[in-house]
Amino acid sequence: MNEISFRRAVDSDLPGIIAMLADDELGLVREDTTIPLNAKYTRAFAAIEQDPNQILVVVEERDDLVGCLQLTFVPGLSRLGMWRGQIESVRIASGNRGKGLGRKMFEWAIAECRKRGCGLVQLTSDKSRGEALQFYESLGFSATHEGMKLIL
């Protein structure tokens, strides 16, 4: 793998990000890759950009988008007011999977959480993503809590 770089996403990255989000069996039915982009994506991007506790990040290799993730910094009162880093929407372009990019992305994201003073990093993953769950465990994450969602 050549040198990669991390940067804050810009609106022109959205089609590439949405394509990565849609490029698996779950994303295929959840995402809308039509152009022009669904306005819901541009509204969500604007909200992320305006929130100082959100960072939508793209990973580039030689000017090609090869990955993305979203970091959310969550303040809380529990654990003596500990901040948490939440990692979401992690995707790697299909042609770049299996090359160690995911590990580099998580190392970068965890370092960013440390810089922001987070005492904990958390994530959620669909239970059907067995390989992803094993990967997260290999990074030191453990399934200490049971997560639940209510679709509205």
Protein backbone atom coordinates (compact mmCIF):
# COMPACT_ATOMS: atom_id res chain seq x y z
CA MET A 1 0.00 0.00 0.00
CA ASN A 2 1.32 3.40 -0.96
CA GLU A 3 1.25 6.39 1.34
CA ILE A 4 -2.22 7.36 2.47
CA SER A 5 -3.52 10.65 3.81
CA PHE A 6 -6.46 11.59 5.99
CA ARG A 7 -8.46 14.77 5.58
CA ARG A 8 -11.80 16.29 6.42
CA ALA A 9 -14.34 15.49 3.71
CA VAL A 10 -15.62 18.22 1.42
CA ASP A 11 -18.95 18.23 -0.38
CA SER A 12 -17.40 17.07 -3.67
CA ASP A 13 -16.39 13.85 -1.85
CA LEU A 14 -20.01 12.91 -1.17
CA PRO A 15 -20.63 10.77 -4.29
CA GLY A 16 -17.51 8.73 -3.53
CA ILE A 17 -18.41 8.37 0.14
CA ILE A 18 -21.97 7.28 -0.67
CA ALA A 19 -20.62 4.78 -3.20
CA MET A 20 -18.40 3.24 -0.49
CA LEU A 21 -21.29 3.16 1.99
CA ALA A 22 -23.41 1.32 -0.59
CA ASP A 23 -20.69 -1.15 -1.60
CA ASP A 24 -21.67 -4.12 0.54
CA GLU A 25 -24.70 -6.32 1.13
CA LEU A 26 -26.19 -4.08 3.84
CA GLY A 27 -25.37 -0.74 2.26
CA LEU A 28 -26.73 -1.86 -1.08
CA VAL A 29 -30.29 -1.78 0.30
CA ARG A 30 -29.82 1.20 2.64
CA GLU A 31 -28.10 3.76 0.44
CA ASP A 32 -29.08 5.70 -2.68
CA THR A 33 -26.25 6.18 -5.17
CA THR A 34 -28.24 8.03 -7.81
CA ILE A 35 -26.83 11.27 -9.20
CA PRO A 36 -27.72 13.96 -8.43
CA LEU A 37 -27.38 12.92 -4.81
CA ASN A 38 -30.42 12.57 -2.64
CA ALA A 39 -30.81 15.89 -0.78
CA LYS A 40 -30.83 14.00 2.54
CA TYR A 41 -27.11 13.36 2.10
CA THR A 42 -26.28 17.00 1.48
CA ARG A 43 -28.37 18.10 4.48
CA ALA A 44 -26.64 15.52 6.69
CA PHE A 45 -23.22 16.62 5.43
CA ALA A 46 -24.06 20.26 6.23
CA ALA A 47 -25.13 19.29 9.76
CA ILE A 48 -21.90 17.32 10.29
CA GLU A 49 -19.83 20.25 9.03
CA GLN A 50 -21.56 22.68 11.43
CA ASP A 51 -21.06 20.50 14.51
CA PRO A 52 -17.63 20.93 16.17
CA ASN A 53 -17.97 17.45 17.68
CA GLN A 54 -18.24 15.73 14.28
CA ILE A 55 -15.61 14.96 11.69
CA LEU A 56 -16.33 13.19 8.42
CA VAL A 57 -12.99 11.93 7.17
CA VAL A 58 -11.83 10.55 3.85
CA VAL A 59 -8.70 8.54 3.25
CA GLU A 60 -6.81 9.10 0.02
CA GLU A 61 -4.12 7.18 -1.78
CA ARG A 62 -2.64 9.13 -4.71
CA ASP A 63 -5.71 11.39 -4.94
CA ASP A 64 -8.11 8.41 -4.99
CA LEU A 65 -10.70 8.03 -2.22
CA VAL A 66 -10.01 4.66 -0.65
CA GLY A 67 -11.81 4.95 2.69
CA CYS A 68 -14.04 7.02 4.94
CA LEU A 69 -15.21 7.21 8.51
CA GLN A 70 -17.10 9.53 10.81
CA LEU A 71 -15.85 10.52 14.26
CA THR A 72 -18.22 11.89 16.86
CA PHE A 73 -16.95 13.28 20.14
CA VAL A 74 -19.54 12.71 22.85
CA PRO A 75 -19.46 14.59 26.15
CA GLY A 76 -20.96 12.83 29.14
CA LEU A 77 -21.39 13.08 32.86
CA SER A 78 -20.73 9.45 33.69
CA ARG A 79 -17.18 8.29 34.38
CA LEU A 80 -16.31 11.68 35.86
CA GLY A 81 -17.39 13.63 32.79
CA MET A 82 -15.47 11.46 30.36
CA TRP A 83 -15.59 12.27 26.65
CA ARG A 84 -16.10 9.35 24.29
CA GLY A 85 -15.09 8.95 20.69
CA GLN A 86 -17.67 7.23 18.50
CA ILE A 87 -16.44 5.73 15.22
CA GLU A 88 -19.11 5.19 12.56
CA SER A 89 -19.60 4.74 8.82
CA VAL A 90 -16.26 3.04 8.32
CA ARG A 91 -15.84 1.90 4.74
CA ILE A 92 -12.99 0.91 2.48
CA ALA A 93 -13.31 0.97 -1.29
CA SER A 94 -13.74 -2.64 -2.44
CA GLY A 95 -10.51 -2.71 -4.45
CA ASN A 96 -8.53 -1.71 -1.37
CA ARG A 97 -9.86 -4.19 1.18
CA GLY A 98 -7.57 -6.73 2.79
CA LYS A 99 -4.44 -4.56 2.53
CA GLY A 100 -4.23 -3.24 6.10
CA LEU A 101 -6.01 0.04 5.41
CA GLY A 102 -8.69 -0.59 8.03
CA ARG A 103 -6.07 -0.98 10.75
CA LYS A 104 -4.39 2.27 9.69
CA MET A 105 -7.75 4.05 9.68
CA PHE A 106 -8.55 2.89 13.20
CA GLU A 107 -5.09 3.77 14.48
CA TRP A 108 -5.58 7.28 13.08
CA ALA A 109 -9.11 7.60 14.50
CA ILE A 110 -8.07 6.39 17.96
CA ALA A 111 -5.15 8.85 17.98
CA GLU A 112 -7.59 11.66 17.08
CA CYS A 113 -9.82 10.63 19.98
CA ARG A 114 -6.84 10.77 22.34
CA LYS A 115 -5.95 14.25 21.04
CA ARG A 116 -9.50 15.39 21.83
CA GLY A 117 -9.21 14.06 25.39
CA CYS A 118 -11.49 11.06 25.00
CA GLY A 119 -11.12 8.37 27.63
CA LEU A 120 -13.00 5.75 25.65
CA VAL A 121 -13.59 4.87 22.00
CA GLN A 122 -16.72 3.03 21.00
CA LEU A 123 -18.39 1.78 17.85
CA THR A 124 -21.36 -0.21 16.70
CA SER A 125 -21.41 -2.85 14.01
CA ASP A 126 -24.23 -4.88 12.55
CA LYS A 127 -24.24 -8.34 14.11
CA SER A 128 -24.22 -9.90 10.64
CA ARG A 129 -20.76 -8.45 9.96
CA GLY A 130 -18.81 -11.31 11.54
CA GLU A 131 -15.48 -10.46 9.90
CA ALA A 132 -15.78 -6.83 10.98
CA LEU A 133 -16.51 -7.87 14.56
CA GLN A 134 -13.40 -10.09 14.59
CA PHE A 135 -11.37 -7.23 13.15
CA TYR A 136 -12.54 -4.82 15.88
CA GLU A 137 -11.64 -7.38 18.53
CA SER A 138 -8.16 -7.70 17.00
CA LEU A 139 -7.79 -3.93 17.56
CA GLY A 140 -8.59 -4.33 21.26
CA PHE A 141 -12.30 -3.52 21.23
CA SER A 142 -14.49 -5.75 23.35
CA ALA A 143 -18.23 -6.33 23.32
CA THR A 144 -18.86 -5.06 26.86
CA HIS A 145 -22.38 -3.74 26.25
CA GLU A 146 -25.44 -4.82 24.34
CA GLY A 147 -26.53 -2.18 21.83
CA MET A 148 -30.10 -1.62 20.76
CA LYS A 149 -31.75 0.51 18.09
CA LEU A 150 -35.26 1.66 17.37
CA ILE A 151 -35.88 2.46 13.71
CA LEU A 152 -38.20 5.46 13.38
